[in-house]
């Protein structure tokens, strides 16, 4: 088995998490517009919208700006009666969209810096691969994670997203590393484990609290 040369991290749910439940954020930003939302209901509706609004090939942008799809997700997360005026919704959406580009909108799992440092000390490349958009740069850099993750593959800048086989091939090609020398680390079974393994990578699934990011270090010691 080839020696692992690079560890490729998912970001959301793997390295960072939303500082507050999404519904709480929506309710907070809706209030100044005179719209009262149930934070719990909005959170549940958000997760349902994420499941029901899958991306289709050819619809993923390459300029990093993914407002159009996120606008659909946000709209589907709210009651139909909320924001009857389109102008008010547009203003609300833009405020929310920009907020999630700010580091304070996100928390970093406590073990992340120590794990990234430990992996770098082992001489492997550290890379981010995420179904995100250009806002990810501000989040990673704002939390100081850019020190370890300067190389990033972001779906809305590439035109593919996980688990499209093309995105895994692209990472291997750009890094000039054979697939079996790449280790995917993430929380999503389909995007971060099944997809990479089908592409010939190795993979470790993060399942907190049972398996946190130290699982990536343990995977290297087993090679």
N, C-alpha and C. Protein backbone atom coordinates (compact mmCIF):
# COMPACT_ATOMS: atom_id res chain seq x y z
N UNK A 1 0.85 -1.20 0.00
CA UNK A 1 0.00 0.00 0.00
C UNK A 1 0.88 1.25 0.00
N UNK A 2 0.52 2.22 -0.83
CA UNK A 2 1.32 3.44 -0.95
C UNK A 2 1.32 4.24 0.35
N UNK A 3 2.41 4.93 0.56
CA UNK A 3 2.51 5.83 1.71
C UNK A 3 1.60 7.04 1.50
N UNK A 4 0.86 7.42 2.53
CA UNK A 4 -0.02 8.59 2.43
C UNK A 4 0.83 9.85 2.31
N UNK A 5 0.57 10.60 1.25
CA UNK A 5 1.34 11.82 1.01
C UNK A 5 0.55 13.08 1.31
N UNK A 6 -0.78 12.97 1.31
CA UNK A 6 -1.61 14.15 1.57
C UNK A 6 -2.89 13.74 2.29
N UNK A 7 -3.30 14.56 3.25
CA UNK A 7 -4.57 14.38 3.94
C UNK A 7 -5.51 15.48 3.46
N UNK A 8 -6.66 15.07 2.95
CA UNK A 8 -7.61 15.99 2.33
C UNK A 8 -8.84 16.11 3.23
N UNK A 9 -9.02 17.30 3.79
CA UNK A 9 -10.08 17.51 4.77
C UNK A 9 -11.33 18.13 4.17
N UNK A 10 -12.47 17.57 4.56
CA UNK A 10 -13.73 18.28 4.45
C UNK A 10 -13.67 19.42 5.46
N UNK A 11 -14.57 20.39 5.38
CA UNK A 11 -14.52 21.52 6.31
C UNK A 11 -15.74 21.54 7.24
N UNK A 12 -16.92 21.81 6.70
CA UNK A 12 -18.12 21.89 7.54
C UNK A 12 -18.45 20.57 8.21
N UNK A 13 -18.55 20.56 9.53
CA UNK A 13 -18.84 19.34 10.26
C UNK A 13 -17.59 18.51 10.56
N UNK A 14 -16.47 18.90 9.97
CA UNK A 14 -15.21 18.20 10.17
C UNK A 14 -14.21 19.08 10.90
N UNK A 15 -14.01 20.30 10.39
CA UNK A 15 -13.10 21.25 11.03
C UNK A 15 -13.86 22.35 11.76
N UNK A 16 -15.00 22.77 11.19
CA UNK A 16 -15.77 23.86 11.78
C UNK A 16 -17.24 23.49 11.89
N UNK A 17 -17.96 24.24 12.71
CA UNK A 17 -19.40 24.04 12.91
C UNK A 17 -20.04 25.41 13.07
N UNK A 18 -21.34 25.50 12.80
CA UNK A 18 -22.01 26.79 12.96
C UNK A 18 -22.03 27.17 14.43
N UNK A 19 -21.65 28.42 14.72
CA UNK A 19 -21.57 28.87 16.11
C UNK A 19 -22.93 28.81 16.80
N UNK A 20 -23.99 29.06 16.06
CA UNK A 20 -25.36 28.95 16.56
C UNK A 20 -26.16 28.09 15.60
N UNK A 21 -27.22 27.45 16.06
CA UNK A 21 -28.08 26.73 15.12
C UNK A 21 -28.55 27.67 14.01
N UNK A 22 -28.63 27.14 12.80
CA UNK A 22 -28.96 27.97 11.64
C UNK A 22 -30.27 28.72 11.86
N UNK A 23 -31.26 28.04 12.43
CA UNK A 23 -32.56 28.69 12.64
C UNK A 23 -32.48 29.89 13.56
N UNK A 24 -31.60 29.83 14.56
CA UNK A 24 -31.43 30.97 15.45
C UNK A 24 -30.87 32.17 14.69
N UNK A 25 -29.94 31.89 13.80
CA UNK A 25 -29.36 32.97 12.99
C UNK A 25 -30.41 33.58 12.08
N UNK A 26 -31.20 32.73 11.42
CA UNK A 26 -32.26 33.24 10.55
C UNK A 26 -33.25 34.10 11.34
N UNK A 27 -33.65 33.62 12.52
CA UNK A 27 -34.61 34.36 13.34
C UNK A 27 -34.03 35.70 13.76
N UNK A 28 -32.76 35.73 14.10
CA UNK A 28 -32.13 36.97 14.55
C UNK A 28 -32.09 38.01 13.44
N UNK A 29 -31.77 37.57 12.22
CA UNK A 29 -31.69 38.51 11.10
C UNK A 29 -33.07 38.89 10.56
N UNK A 30 -34.07 38.03 10.79
CA UNK A 30 -35.42 38.33 10.30
C UNK A 30 -36.12 39.36 11.17
N UNK A 31 -35.78 39.38 12.45
CA UNK A 31 -36.48 40.25 13.41
C UNK A 31 -36.46 41.73 13.02
N UNK A 32 -35.32 42.31 12.61
CA UNK A 32 -35.32 43.73 12.22
C UNK A 32 -36.21 44.03 11.01
N UNK A 33 -36.55 42.97 10.24
CA UNK A 33 -37.43 43.15 9.08
C UNK A 33 -38.90 42.97 9.47
N UNK A 34 -39.16 42.82 10.76
CA UNK A 34 -40.54 42.65 11.22
C UNK A 34 -41.08 41.26 11.02
N UNK A 35 -40.19 40.28 10.82
CA UNK A 35 -40.61 38.90 10.60
C UNK A 35 -40.19 38.06 11.80
N UNK A 36 -41.16 37.38 12.41
CA UNK A 36 -40.88 36.53 13.55
C UNK A 36 -40.81 35.08 13.09
N UNK A 37 -39.68 34.44 13.37
CA UNK A 37 -39.48 33.05 12.97
C UNK A 37 -39.27 32.18 14.20
N UNK A 38 -39.72 30.96 14.13
CA UNK A 38 -39.40 29.96 15.13
C UNK A 38 -38.01 29.42 14.81
N UNK A 39 -37.05 29.63 15.72
CA UNK A 39 -35.69 29.19 15.46
C UNK A 39 -35.61 27.68 15.28
N UNK A 40 -36.33 26.94 16.11
CA UNK A 40 -36.29 25.47 16.02
C UNK A 40 -36.89 24.99 14.70
N UNK A 41 -38.01 25.57 14.32
CA UNK A 41 -38.66 25.17 13.07
C UNK A 41 -37.79 25.51 11.87
N UNK A 42 -37.15 26.65 11.91
CA UNK A 42 -36.29 27.06 10.80
C UNK A 42 -35.07 26.16 10.68
N UNK A 43 -34.54 25.71 11.82
CA UNK A 43 -33.40 24.80 11.78
C UNK A 43 -33.79 23.47 11.16
N UNK A 44 -34.93 22.94 11.57
CA UNK A 44 -35.41 21.67 11.01
C UNK A 44 -35.67 21.82 9.52
N UNK A 45 -36.33 22.92 9.14
CA UNK A 45 -36.65 23.15 7.73
C UNK A 45 -35.37 23.32 6.89
N UNK A 46 -34.36 23.93 7.48
CA UNK A 46 -33.08 24.11 6.77
C UNK A 46 -32.47 22.76 6.41
N UNK A 47 -32.42 21.86 7.38
CA UNK A 47 -31.82 20.54 7.12
C UNK A 47 -32.64 19.75 6.10
N UNK A 48 -33.95 19.93 6.14
CA UNK A 48 -34.80 19.27 5.15
C UNK A 48 -34.55 19.85 3.76
N UNK A 49 -34.39 21.17 3.70
CA UNK A 49 -34.13 21.82 2.41
C UNK A 49 -32.80 21.36 1.83
N UNK A 50 -31.81 21.18 2.67
CA UNK A 50 -30.51 20.71 2.20
C UNK A 50 -30.62 19.33 1.56
N UNK A 51 -31.51 18.50 2.10
CA UNK A 51 -31.71 17.16 1.55
C UNK A 51 -32.53 17.18 0.26
N UNK A 52 -33.49 18.10 0.20
CA UNK A 52 -34.44 18.11 -0.92
C UNK A 52 -33.98 18.95 -2.10
N UNK A 53 -32.92 19.69 -1.93
CA UNK A 53 -32.44 20.54 -3.02
C UNK A 53 -31.04 20.12 -3.46
N UNK A 54 -30.92 18.89 -3.97
CA UNK A 54 -29.60 18.44 -4.42
C UNK A 54 -29.13 19.24 -5.63
N UNK A 55 -27.83 19.32 -5.79
CA UNK A 55 -27.28 20.03 -6.93
C UNK A 55 -27.31 19.14 -8.17
N UNK A 56 -27.54 19.75 -9.32
CA UNK A 56 -27.50 19.02 -10.57
C UNK A 56 -26.23 19.37 -11.32
N UNK A 57 -25.71 18.39 -12.04
CA UNK A 57 -24.50 18.65 -12.82
C UNK A 57 -24.75 19.78 -13.80
N UNK A 58 -23.78 20.63 -13.92
CA UNK A 58 -23.91 21.76 -14.83
C UNK A 58 -24.47 23.01 -14.20
N UNK A 59 -24.95 22.90 -12.94
CA UNK A 59 -25.52 24.06 -12.27
C UNK A 59 -24.58 24.66 -11.22
N UNK A 60 -23.47 24.00 -10.99
CA UNK A 60 -22.53 24.47 -9.96
C UNK A 60 -21.64 25.54 -10.58
N UNK A 61 -21.56 26.71 -9.97
CA UNK A 61 -20.78 27.80 -10.56
C UNK A 61 -19.28 27.52 -10.51
N UNK A 62 -18.53 28.32 -11.23
CA UNK A 62 -17.08 28.21 -11.21
C UNK A 62 -16.43 29.52 -10.77
N UNK A 63 -17.25 30.53 -10.48
CA UNK A 63 -16.71 31.84 -10.08
C UNK A 63 -16.70 32.02 -8.57
N UNK A 64 -17.06 30.97 -7.83
CA UNK A 64 -17.05 31.04 -6.39
C UNK A 64 -18.32 31.60 -5.76
N UNK A 65 -19.17 32.23 -6.56
CA UNK A 65 -20.38 32.86 -6.05
C UNK A 65 -21.56 31.88 -6.18
N UNK A 66 -22.07 31.44 -5.04
CA UNK A 66 -23.14 30.42 -5.07
C UNK A 66 -24.43 30.95 -4.46
N UNK A 67 -24.67 32.24 -4.62
CA UNK A 67 -25.85 32.84 -4.02
C UNK A 67 -27.15 32.23 -4.53
N UNK A 68 -27.23 31.92 -5.81
CA UNK A 68 -28.49 31.46 -6.39
C UNK A 68 -29.00 30.20 -5.70
N UNK A 69 -28.12 29.22 -5.51
CA UNK A 69 -28.56 27.98 -4.86
C UNK A 69 -28.87 28.21 -3.39
N UNK A 70 -28.02 28.98 -2.70
CA UNK A 70 -28.27 29.23 -1.29
C UNK A 70 -29.56 30.01 -1.08
N UNK A 71 -29.91 30.84 -2.03
CA UNK A 71 -31.18 31.58 -1.91
C UNK A 71 -32.36 30.61 -1.91
N UNK A 72 -32.28 29.57 -2.73
CA UNK A 72 -33.32 28.55 -2.76
C UNK A 72 -33.40 27.82 -1.42
N UNK A 73 -32.25 27.50 -0.86
CA UNK A 73 -32.21 26.79 0.41
C UNK A 73 -32.82 27.64 1.52
N UNK A 74 -32.43 28.90 1.58
CA UNK A 74 -32.95 29.79 2.63
C UNK A 74 -34.45 29.98 2.48
N UNK A 75 -34.90 30.22 1.26
CA UNK A 75 -36.34 30.42 1.02
C UNK A 75 -37.13 29.19 1.46
N UNK A 76 -36.58 27.99 1.15
CA UNK A 76 -37.27 26.75 1.50
C UNK A 76 -37.23 26.48 3.00
N UNK A 77 -36.37 27.18 3.72
CA UNK A 77 -36.24 26.99 5.17
C UNK A 77 -37.23 27.85 5.95
N UNK A 78 -37.93 28.72 5.26
CA UNK A 78 -38.83 29.66 5.93
C UNK A 78 -40.29 29.35 5.60
N UNK A 79 -41.21 29.71 6.48
CA UNK A 79 -42.63 29.54 6.16
C UNK A 79 -42.99 30.35 4.92
N UNK A 80 -43.96 29.88 4.17
CA UNK A 80 -44.37 30.58 2.95
C UNK A 80 -44.85 32.00 3.24
N UNK A 81 -45.40 32.19 4.43
CA UNK A 81 -45.94 33.50 4.79
C UNK A 81 -44.84 34.50 5.18
N UNK A 82 -43.64 34.02 5.42
CA UNK A 82 -42.55 34.92 5.83
C UNK A 82 -42.07 35.72 4.62
N UNK A 83 -41.77 36.96 4.82
CA UNK A 83 -41.26 37.87 3.79
C UNK A 83 -42.16 37.90 2.55
N UNK A 84 -43.40 38.35 2.71
CA UNK A 84 -44.29 38.45 1.55
C UNK A 84 -43.77 39.44 0.50
N UNK A 85 -42.96 40.39 0.92
CA UNK A 85 -42.37 41.34 -0.03
C UNK A 85 -41.00 40.85 -0.47
N UNK A 86 -40.84 40.70 -1.76
CA UNK A 86 -39.60 40.17 -2.32
C UNK A 86 -38.39 41.00 -1.93
N UNK A 87 -38.56 42.33 -1.91
CA UNK A 87 -37.44 43.21 -1.60
C UNK A 87 -36.92 42.95 -0.19
N UNK A 88 -37.82 42.73 0.74
CA UNK A 88 -37.43 42.47 2.12
C UNK A 88 -36.68 41.14 2.23
N UNK A 89 -37.17 40.12 1.52
CA UNK A 89 -36.48 38.83 1.55
C UNK A 89 -35.08 38.96 0.95
N UNK A 90 -34.96 39.68 -0.17
CA UNK A 90 -33.66 39.84 -0.81
C UNK A 90 -32.66 40.49 0.15
N UNK A 91 -33.12 41.49 0.89
CA UNK A 91 -32.26 42.17 1.85
C UNK A 91 -31.86 41.22 2.98
N UNK A 92 -32.84 40.49 3.50
CA UNK A 92 -32.58 39.51 4.56
C UNK A 92 -31.58 38.46 4.09
N UNK A 93 -31.81 37.92 2.91
CA UNK A 93 -30.93 36.87 2.40
C UNK A 93 -29.50 37.37 2.27
N UNK A 94 -29.32 38.56 1.73
CA UNK A 94 -27.97 39.08 1.54
C UNK A 94 -27.26 39.25 2.89
N UNK A 95 -27.99 39.70 3.89
CA UNK A 95 -27.40 39.87 5.22
C UNK A 95 -26.95 38.51 5.78
N UNK A 96 -27.81 37.51 5.62
CA UNK A 96 -27.48 36.17 6.13
C UNK A 96 -26.31 35.58 5.35
N UNK A 97 -26.35 35.74 4.05
CA UNK A 97 -25.28 35.17 3.20
C UNK A 97 -23.93 35.75 3.59
N UNK A 98 -23.87 37.04 3.78
CA UNK A 98 -22.60 37.69 4.14
C UNK A 98 -22.17 37.34 5.56
N UNK A 99 -23.15 37.15 6.44
CA UNK A 99 -22.82 36.79 7.81
C UNK A 99 -22.06 35.48 7.86
N UNK A 100 -22.47 34.51 7.06
CA UNK A 100 -21.82 33.21 7.09
C UNK A 100 -20.45 33.20 6.42
N UNK A 101 -20.01 34.34 5.94
CA UNK A 101 -18.63 34.48 5.47
C UNK A 101 -17.72 34.97 6.59
N UNK A 102 -18.32 35.32 7.74
CA UNK A 102 -17.54 35.87 8.85
C UNK A 102 -17.07 34.74 9.78
N UNK A 103 -15.84 34.83 10.25
CA UNK A 103 -15.34 33.79 11.15
C UNK A 103 -16.20 33.59 12.39
N UNK A 104 -16.80 34.68 12.89
CA UNK A 104 -17.59 34.56 14.12
C UNK A 104 -18.86 33.73 13.93
N UNK A 105 -19.23 33.47 12.70
CA UNK A 105 -20.40 32.63 12.45
C UNK A 105 -20.08 31.15 12.64
N UNK A 106 -18.80 30.85 12.82
CA UNK A 106 -18.35 29.47 12.88
C UNK A 106 -17.47 29.22 14.10
N UNK A 107 -17.55 28.02 14.61
CA UNK A 107 -16.64 27.58 15.66
C UNK A 107 -15.70 26.54 15.09
N UNK A 108 -14.55 26.40 15.70
CA UNK A 108 -13.57 25.39 15.29
C UNK A 108 -13.55 24.30 16.36
N UNK A 109 -13.66 23.05 15.94
CA UNK A 109 -13.61 21.95 16.90
C UNK A 109 -12.29 22.02 17.67
N UNK A 110 -12.33 21.76 18.97
CA UNK A 110 -11.17 22.06 19.82
C UNK A 110 -9.88 21.36 19.45
N UNK A 111 -9.96 20.16 18.91
CA UNK A 111 -8.72 19.42 18.62
C UNK A 111 -8.08 19.78 17.28
N UNK A 112 -8.77 20.59 16.47
CA UNK A 112 -8.33 20.82 15.09
C UNK A 112 -6.91 21.38 14.98
N UNK A 113 -6.57 22.51 15.63
CA UNK A 113 -5.21 23.03 15.46
C UNK A 113 -4.12 22.03 15.84
N UNK A 114 -4.32 21.33 16.96
CA UNK A 114 -3.31 20.38 17.41
C UNK A 114 -3.16 19.23 16.43
N UNK A 115 -4.26 18.75 15.89
CA UNK A 115 -4.20 17.65 14.92
C UNK A 115 -3.52 18.10 13.63
N UNK A 116 -3.88 19.27 13.14
CA UNK A 116 -3.26 19.76 11.91
C UNK A 116 -1.75 19.93 12.09
N UNK A 117 -1.35 20.43 13.24
CA UNK A 117 0.08 20.59 13.52
C UNK A 117 0.77 19.23 13.59
N UNK A 118 0.12 18.27 14.22
CA UNK A 118 0.70 16.93 14.33
C UNK A 118 0.86 16.28 12.96
N UNK A 119 -0.12 16.47 12.10
CA UNK A 119 -0.04 15.89 10.76
C UNK A 119 1.04 16.57 9.93
N UNK A 120 1.13 17.88 10.05
CA UNK A 120 2.17 18.58 9.30
C UNK A 120 3.56 18.13 9.75
N UNK A 121 3.71 17.89 11.06
CA UNK A 121 4.99 17.42 11.57
C UNK A 121 5.36 16.06 11.01
N UNK A 122 4.37 15.32 10.56
CA UNK A 122 4.63 14.01 9.96
C UNK A 122 5.01 14.12 8.48
N UNK A 123 5.02 15.33 7.97
CA UNK A 123 5.50 15.55 6.61
C UNK A 123 4.51 15.32 5.50
N UNK A 124 3.20 15.30 5.82
CA UNK A 124 2.20 15.12 4.77
C UNK A 124 1.61 16.48 4.40
N UNK A 125 1.16 16.59 3.16
CA UNK A 125 0.48 17.81 2.72
C UNK A 125 -0.93 17.83 3.31
N UNK A 126 -1.41 19.02 3.67
CA UNK A 126 -2.74 19.19 4.21
C UNK A 126 -3.56 20.05 3.26
N UNK A 127 -4.74 19.57 2.90
CA UNK A 127 -5.54 20.19 1.86
C UNK A 127 -7.00 20.24 2.30
N UNK A 128 -7.73 21.26 1.87
CA UNK A 128 -9.17 21.33 2.10
C UNK A 128 -9.91 21.02 0.81
N UNK A 129 -10.92 20.19 0.89
CA UNK A 129 -11.80 19.88 -0.24
C UNK A 129 -13.23 19.99 0.27
N UNK A 130 -13.96 20.98 -0.21
CA UNK A 130 -15.26 21.27 0.39
C UNK A 130 -16.32 21.65 -0.63
N UNK A 131 -17.54 21.21 -0.36
CA UNK A 131 -18.71 21.68 -1.11
C UNK A 131 -19.13 23.01 -0.51
N UNK A 132 -18.44 24.06 -0.89
CA UNK A 132 -18.62 25.38 -0.30
C UNK A 132 -18.49 26.39 -1.43
N UNK A 133 -18.33 27.64 -1.08
CA UNK A 133 -18.12 28.69 -2.07
C UNK A 133 -17.00 29.60 -1.57
N UNK A 134 -16.83 30.74 -2.24
CA UNK A 134 -15.68 31.60 -1.95
C UNK A 134 -15.64 32.10 -0.51
N UNK A 135 -16.75 32.04 0.20
CA UNK A 135 -16.77 32.47 1.59
C UNK A 135 -15.87 31.60 2.47
N UNK A 136 -15.56 30.41 2.02
CA UNK A 136 -14.73 29.51 2.81
C UNK A 136 -13.35 30.11 3.11
N UNK A 137 -12.82 30.87 2.17
CA UNK A 137 -11.49 31.46 2.38
C UNK A 137 -11.49 32.35 3.62
N UNK A 138 -12.51 33.20 3.76
CA UNK A 138 -12.58 34.11 4.90
C UNK A 138 -12.75 33.34 6.21
N UNK A 139 -13.51 32.25 6.16
CA UNK A 139 -13.74 31.46 7.37
C UNK A 139 -12.44 30.79 7.82
N UNK A 140 -11.75 30.12 6.89
CA UNK A 140 -10.51 29.43 7.26
C UNK A 140 -9.43 30.41 7.69
N UNK A 141 -9.25 31.46 6.91
CA UNK A 141 -8.19 32.42 7.23
C UNK A 141 -8.52 33.19 8.51
N UNK A 142 -9.79 33.50 8.71
CA UNK A 142 -10.19 34.24 9.89
C UNK A 142 -9.96 33.47 11.18
N UNK A 143 -9.98 32.14 11.09
CA UNK A 143 -9.73 31.31 12.26
C UNK A 143 -8.27 30.84 12.34
N UNK A 144 -7.43 31.35 11.44
CA UNK A 144 -6.03 30.98 11.47
C UNK A 144 -5.73 29.61 10.89
N UNK A 145 -6.71 28.98 10.25
CA UNK A 145 -6.49 27.65 9.70
C UNK A 145 -5.76 27.68 8.36
N UNK A 146 -5.67 28.87 7.78
CA UNK A 146 -4.93 29.00 6.53
C UNK A 146 -3.46 28.68 6.69
N UNK A 147 -2.96 28.74 7.91
CA UNK A 147 -1.56 28.38 8.17
C UNK A 147 -1.29 26.95 7.75
N UNK A 148 -2.29 26.09 7.93
CA UNK A 148 -2.12 24.68 7.58
C UNK A 148 -2.80 24.34 6.25
N UNK A 149 -3.85 25.05 5.91
CA UNK A 149 -4.66 24.69 4.74
C UNK A 149 -4.61 25.79 3.68
N UNK A 150 -3.45 26.01 3.13
CA UNK A 150 -3.31 27.04 2.10
C UNK A 150 -3.83 26.54 0.76
N UNK A 151 -3.80 25.23 0.54
CA UNK A 151 -4.31 24.67 -0.71
C UNK A 151 -5.75 24.21 -0.51
N UNK A 152 -6.64 24.76 -1.32
CA UNK A 152 -8.07 24.50 -1.15
C UNK A 152 -8.73 24.19 -2.48
N UNK A 153 -9.59 23.20 -2.44
CA UNK A 153 -10.40 22.84 -3.60
C UNK A 153 -11.85 23.06 -3.20
N UNK A 154 -12.48 24.05 -3.80
CA UNK A 154 -13.82 24.49 -3.40
C UNK A 154 -14.79 24.28 -4.56
N UNK A 155 -15.88 23.61 -4.30
CA UNK A 155 -16.78 23.19 -5.37
C UNK A 155 -17.25 24.34 -6.25
N UNK A 156 -17.62 25.47 -5.64
CA UNK A 156 -18.16 26.59 -6.42
C UNK A 156 -17.08 27.35 -7.18
N UNK A 157 -15.83 26.96 -7.01
CA UNK A 157 -14.76 27.53 -7.82
C UNK A 157 -14.31 26.55 -8.89
N UNK A 158 -14.80 25.31 -8.80
CA UNK A 158 -14.37 24.26 -9.73
C UNK A 158 -15.46 23.82 -10.70
N UNK A 159 -16.73 23.92 -10.25
CA UNK A 159 -17.82 23.47 -11.11
C UNK A 159 -18.24 22.04 -10.86
N UNK A 160 -17.62 21.38 -9.91
CA UNK A 160 -18.05 20.03 -9.46
C UNK A 160 -18.14 20.06 -7.95
N UNK A 161 -18.91 19.15 -7.41
CA UNK A 161 -18.93 18.99 -5.97
C UNK A 161 -18.92 17.52 -5.61
N UNK A 162 -18.46 17.23 -4.42
CA UNK A 162 -18.48 15.85 -3.93
C UNK A 162 -19.92 15.34 -3.91
N UNK A 163 -20.20 14.11 -4.32
CA UNK A 163 -19.29 13.03 -4.64
C UNK A 163 -19.03 12.82 -6.13
N UNK A 164 -19.08 13.86 -6.95
CA UNK A 164 -18.78 13.72 -8.37
C UNK A 164 -17.35 13.19 -8.52
N UNK A 165 -17.15 12.07 -9.22
CA UNK A 165 -15.79 11.52 -9.39
C UNK A 165 -14.80 12.52 -9.96
N UNK A 166 -15.31 13.49 -10.73
CA UNK A 166 -14.42 14.45 -11.38
C UNK A 166 -13.65 15.29 -10.37
N UNK A 167 -14.27 15.58 -9.23
CA UNK A 167 -13.59 16.46 -8.27
C UNK A 167 -12.44 15.72 -7.58
N UNK A 168 -12.60 14.42 -7.36
CA UNK A 168 -11.51 13.65 -6.76
C UNK A 168 -10.37 13.47 -7.75
N UNK A 169 -10.71 13.24 -9.01
CA UNK A 169 -9.66 13.13 -10.05
C UNK A 169 -8.90 14.44 -10.16
N UNK A 170 -9.64 15.56 -10.09
CA UNK A 170 -9.01 16.87 -10.23
C UNK A 170 -8.00 17.10 -9.10
N UNK A 171 -8.37 16.77 -7.89
CA UNK A 171 -7.45 16.95 -6.76
C UNK A 171 -6.18 16.14 -6.97
N UNK A 172 -6.33 14.87 -7.34
CA UNK A 172 -5.17 14.01 -7.56
C UNK A 172 -4.30 14.54 -8.69
N UNK A 173 -4.93 15.01 -9.76
CA UNK A 173 -4.17 15.53 -10.91
C UNK A 173 -3.40 16.79 -10.55
N UNK A 174 -4.07 17.73 -9.87
CA UNK A 174 -3.41 18.99 -9.51
C UNK A 174 -2.26 18.75 -8.54
N UNK A 175 -2.46 17.85 -7.61
CA UNK A 175 -1.42 17.59 -6.62
C UNK A 175 -0.35 16.64 -7.12
N UNK A 176 -0.65 15.99 -8.24
CA UNK A 176 0.29 15.02 -8.83
C UNK A 176 0.63 13.92 -7.83
N UNK A 177 -0.44 13.42 -7.23
CA UNK A 177 -0.32 12.34 -6.26
C UNK A 177 -1.23 11.21 -6.69
N UNK A 178 -0.76 9.98 -6.61
CA UNK A 178 -1.59 8.84 -6.98
C UNK A 178 -2.75 8.72 -5.99
N UNK A 179 -3.92 8.30 -6.47
CA UNK A 179 -5.09 8.25 -5.59
C UNK A 179 -4.87 7.46 -4.30
N UNK A 180 -4.12 6.36 -4.36
CA UNK A 180 -3.96 5.55 -3.16
C UNK A 180 -3.02 6.17 -2.14
N UNK A 181 -2.43 7.33 -2.47
CA UNK A 181 -1.59 8.06 -1.51
C UNK A 181 -2.33 9.25 -0.92
N UNK A 182 -3.65 9.34 -1.19
CA UNK A 182 -4.48 10.41 -0.67
C UNK A 182 -5.42 9.86 0.40
N UNK A 183 -5.54 10.58 1.50
CA UNK A 183 -6.44 10.19 2.59
C UNK A 183 -7.51 11.25 2.77
N UNK A 184 -8.77 10.87 2.56
CA UNK A 184 -9.89 11.77 2.77
C UNK A 184 -10.35 11.68 4.22
N UNK A 185 -10.61 12.84 4.83
CA UNK A 185 -11.08 12.90 6.21
C UNK A 185 -12.31 13.80 6.25
N UNK A 186 -13.44 13.24 6.66
CA UNK A 186 -14.66 14.05 6.71
C UNK A 186 -15.79 13.35 7.43
N UNK A 187 -16.88 14.09 7.64
CA UNK A 187 -17.99 13.56 8.43
C UNK A 187 -19.10 12.94 7.60
N UNK A 188 -19.06 13.10 6.29
CA UNK A 188 -20.15 12.64 5.43
C UNK A 188 -19.78 11.31 4.77
N UNK A 189 -20.59 10.29 5.03
CA UNK A 189 -20.27 8.95 4.53
C UNK A 189 -20.19 8.90 3.00
N UNK A 190 -21.09 9.61 2.34
CA UNK A 190 -21.13 9.57 0.88
C UNK A 190 -20.04 10.42 0.26
N UNK A 191 -19.91 11.66 0.72
CA UNK A 191 -18.98 12.61 0.11
C UNK A 191 -17.53 12.39 0.51
N UNK A 192 -17.32 11.98 1.75
CA UNK A 192 -15.96 11.93 2.28
C UNK A 192 -15.40 10.53 2.43
N UNK A 193 -16.25 9.52 2.27
CA UNK A 193 -15.78 8.14 2.40
C UNK A 193 -16.06 7.34 1.14
N UNK A 194 -17.33 7.17 0.79
CA UNK A 194 -17.67 6.35 -0.36
C UNK A 194 -17.11 6.92 -1.66
N UNK A 195 -17.33 8.23 -1.88
CA UNK A 195 -16.84 8.85 -3.10
C UNK A 195 -15.34 8.75 -3.26
N UNK A 196 -14.56 9.14 -2.26
CA UNK A 196 -13.11 9.02 -2.37
C UNK A 196 -12.64 7.58 -2.57
N UNK A 197 -13.23 6.64 -1.85
CA UNK A 197 -12.80 5.25 -2.01
C UNK A 197 -13.06 4.72 -3.40
N UNK A 198 -14.18 5.12 -3.99
CA UNK A 198 -14.45 4.72 -5.37
C UNK A 198 -13.41 5.30 -6.32
N UNK A 199 -12.84 6.45 -5.93
CA UNK A 199 -11.81 7.09 -6.75
C UNK A 199 -10.42 6.54 -6.46
N UNK A 200 -10.34 5.57 -5.56
CA UNK A 200 -9.06 4.94 -5.26
C UNK A 200 -8.34 5.51 -4.06
N UNK A 201 -8.97 6.48 -3.37
CA UNK A 201 -8.36 7.08 -2.18
C UNK A 201 -8.60 6.17 -0.97
N UNK A 202 -7.91 6.50 0.10
CA UNK A 202 -8.26 5.97 1.40
C UNK A 202 -9.12 7.02 2.11
N UNK A 203 -9.84 6.59 3.14
CA UNK A 203 -10.77 7.52 3.78
C UNK A 203 -10.99 7.17 5.24
N UNK A 204 -11.23 8.21 6.04
CA UNK A 204 -11.57 8.07 7.45
C UNK A 204 -12.79 8.94 7.70
N UNK A 205 -13.81 8.36 8.34
CA UNK A 205 -15.00 9.14 8.65
C UNK A 205 -14.94 9.67 10.08
N UNK A 206 -15.23 10.96 10.23
CA UNK A 206 -15.29 11.59 11.54
C UNK A 206 -16.72 11.46 12.05
N UNK A 207 -16.87 10.86 13.23
CA UNK A 207 -18.18 10.66 13.84
C UNK A 207 -18.09 11.07 15.31
N UNK A 208 -18.18 12.37 15.53
CA UNK A 208 -18.07 12.86 16.91
C UNK A 208 -19.28 12.41 17.74
N UNK A 209 -19.11 12.09 19.02
CA UNK A 209 -17.85 12.13 19.78
C UNK A 209 -17.03 10.86 19.70
N UNK A 210 -17.55 9.84 19.01
CA UNK A 210 -16.85 8.56 18.95
C UNK A 210 -15.50 8.67 18.24
N UNK A 211 -15.49 9.33 17.10
CA UNK A 211 -14.24 9.49 16.33
C UNK A 211 -14.08 10.96 15.98
N UNK A 212 -13.11 11.62 16.62
CA UNK A 212 -12.85 13.01 16.25
C UNK A 212 -11.68 13.05 15.28
N UNK A 213 -11.08 14.21 15.11
CA UNK A 213 -10.07 14.38 14.07
C UNK A 213 -8.79 13.60 14.33
N UNK A 214 -8.57 13.16 15.55
CA UNK A 214 -7.39 12.34 15.83
C UNK A 214 -7.42 11.03 15.05
N UNK A 215 -8.58 10.66 14.53
CA UNK A 215 -8.68 9.46 13.70
C UNK A 215 -7.78 9.56 12.48
N UNK A 216 -7.58 10.78 11.99
CA UNK A 216 -6.70 10.97 10.83
C UNK A 216 -5.26 10.66 11.19
N UNK A 217 -4.85 11.03 12.37
CA UNK A 217 -3.48 10.74 12.83
C UNK A 217 -3.32 9.22 12.99
N UNK A 218 -4.32 8.60 13.58
CA UNK A 218 -4.25 7.14 13.77
C UNK A 218 -4.18 6.42 12.44
N UNK A 219 -4.87 6.95 11.42
CA UNK A 219 -4.82 6.31 10.10
C UNK A 219 -3.42 6.34 9.53
N UNK A 220 -2.67 7.39 9.80
CA UNK A 220 -1.30 7.46 9.30
C UNK A 220 -0.39 6.45 10.02
N UNK A 221 -0.64 6.23 11.29
CA UNK A 221 0.22 5.31 12.05
C UNK A 221 -0.01 3.86 11.65
N UNK A 222 -1.14 3.60 10.98
CA UNK A 222 -1.46 2.23 10.57
C UNK A 222 -0.94 1.90 9.18
N UNK A 223 -0.38 2.90 8.50
CA UNK A 223 0.03 2.65 7.11
C UNK A 223 1.15 1.63 7.05
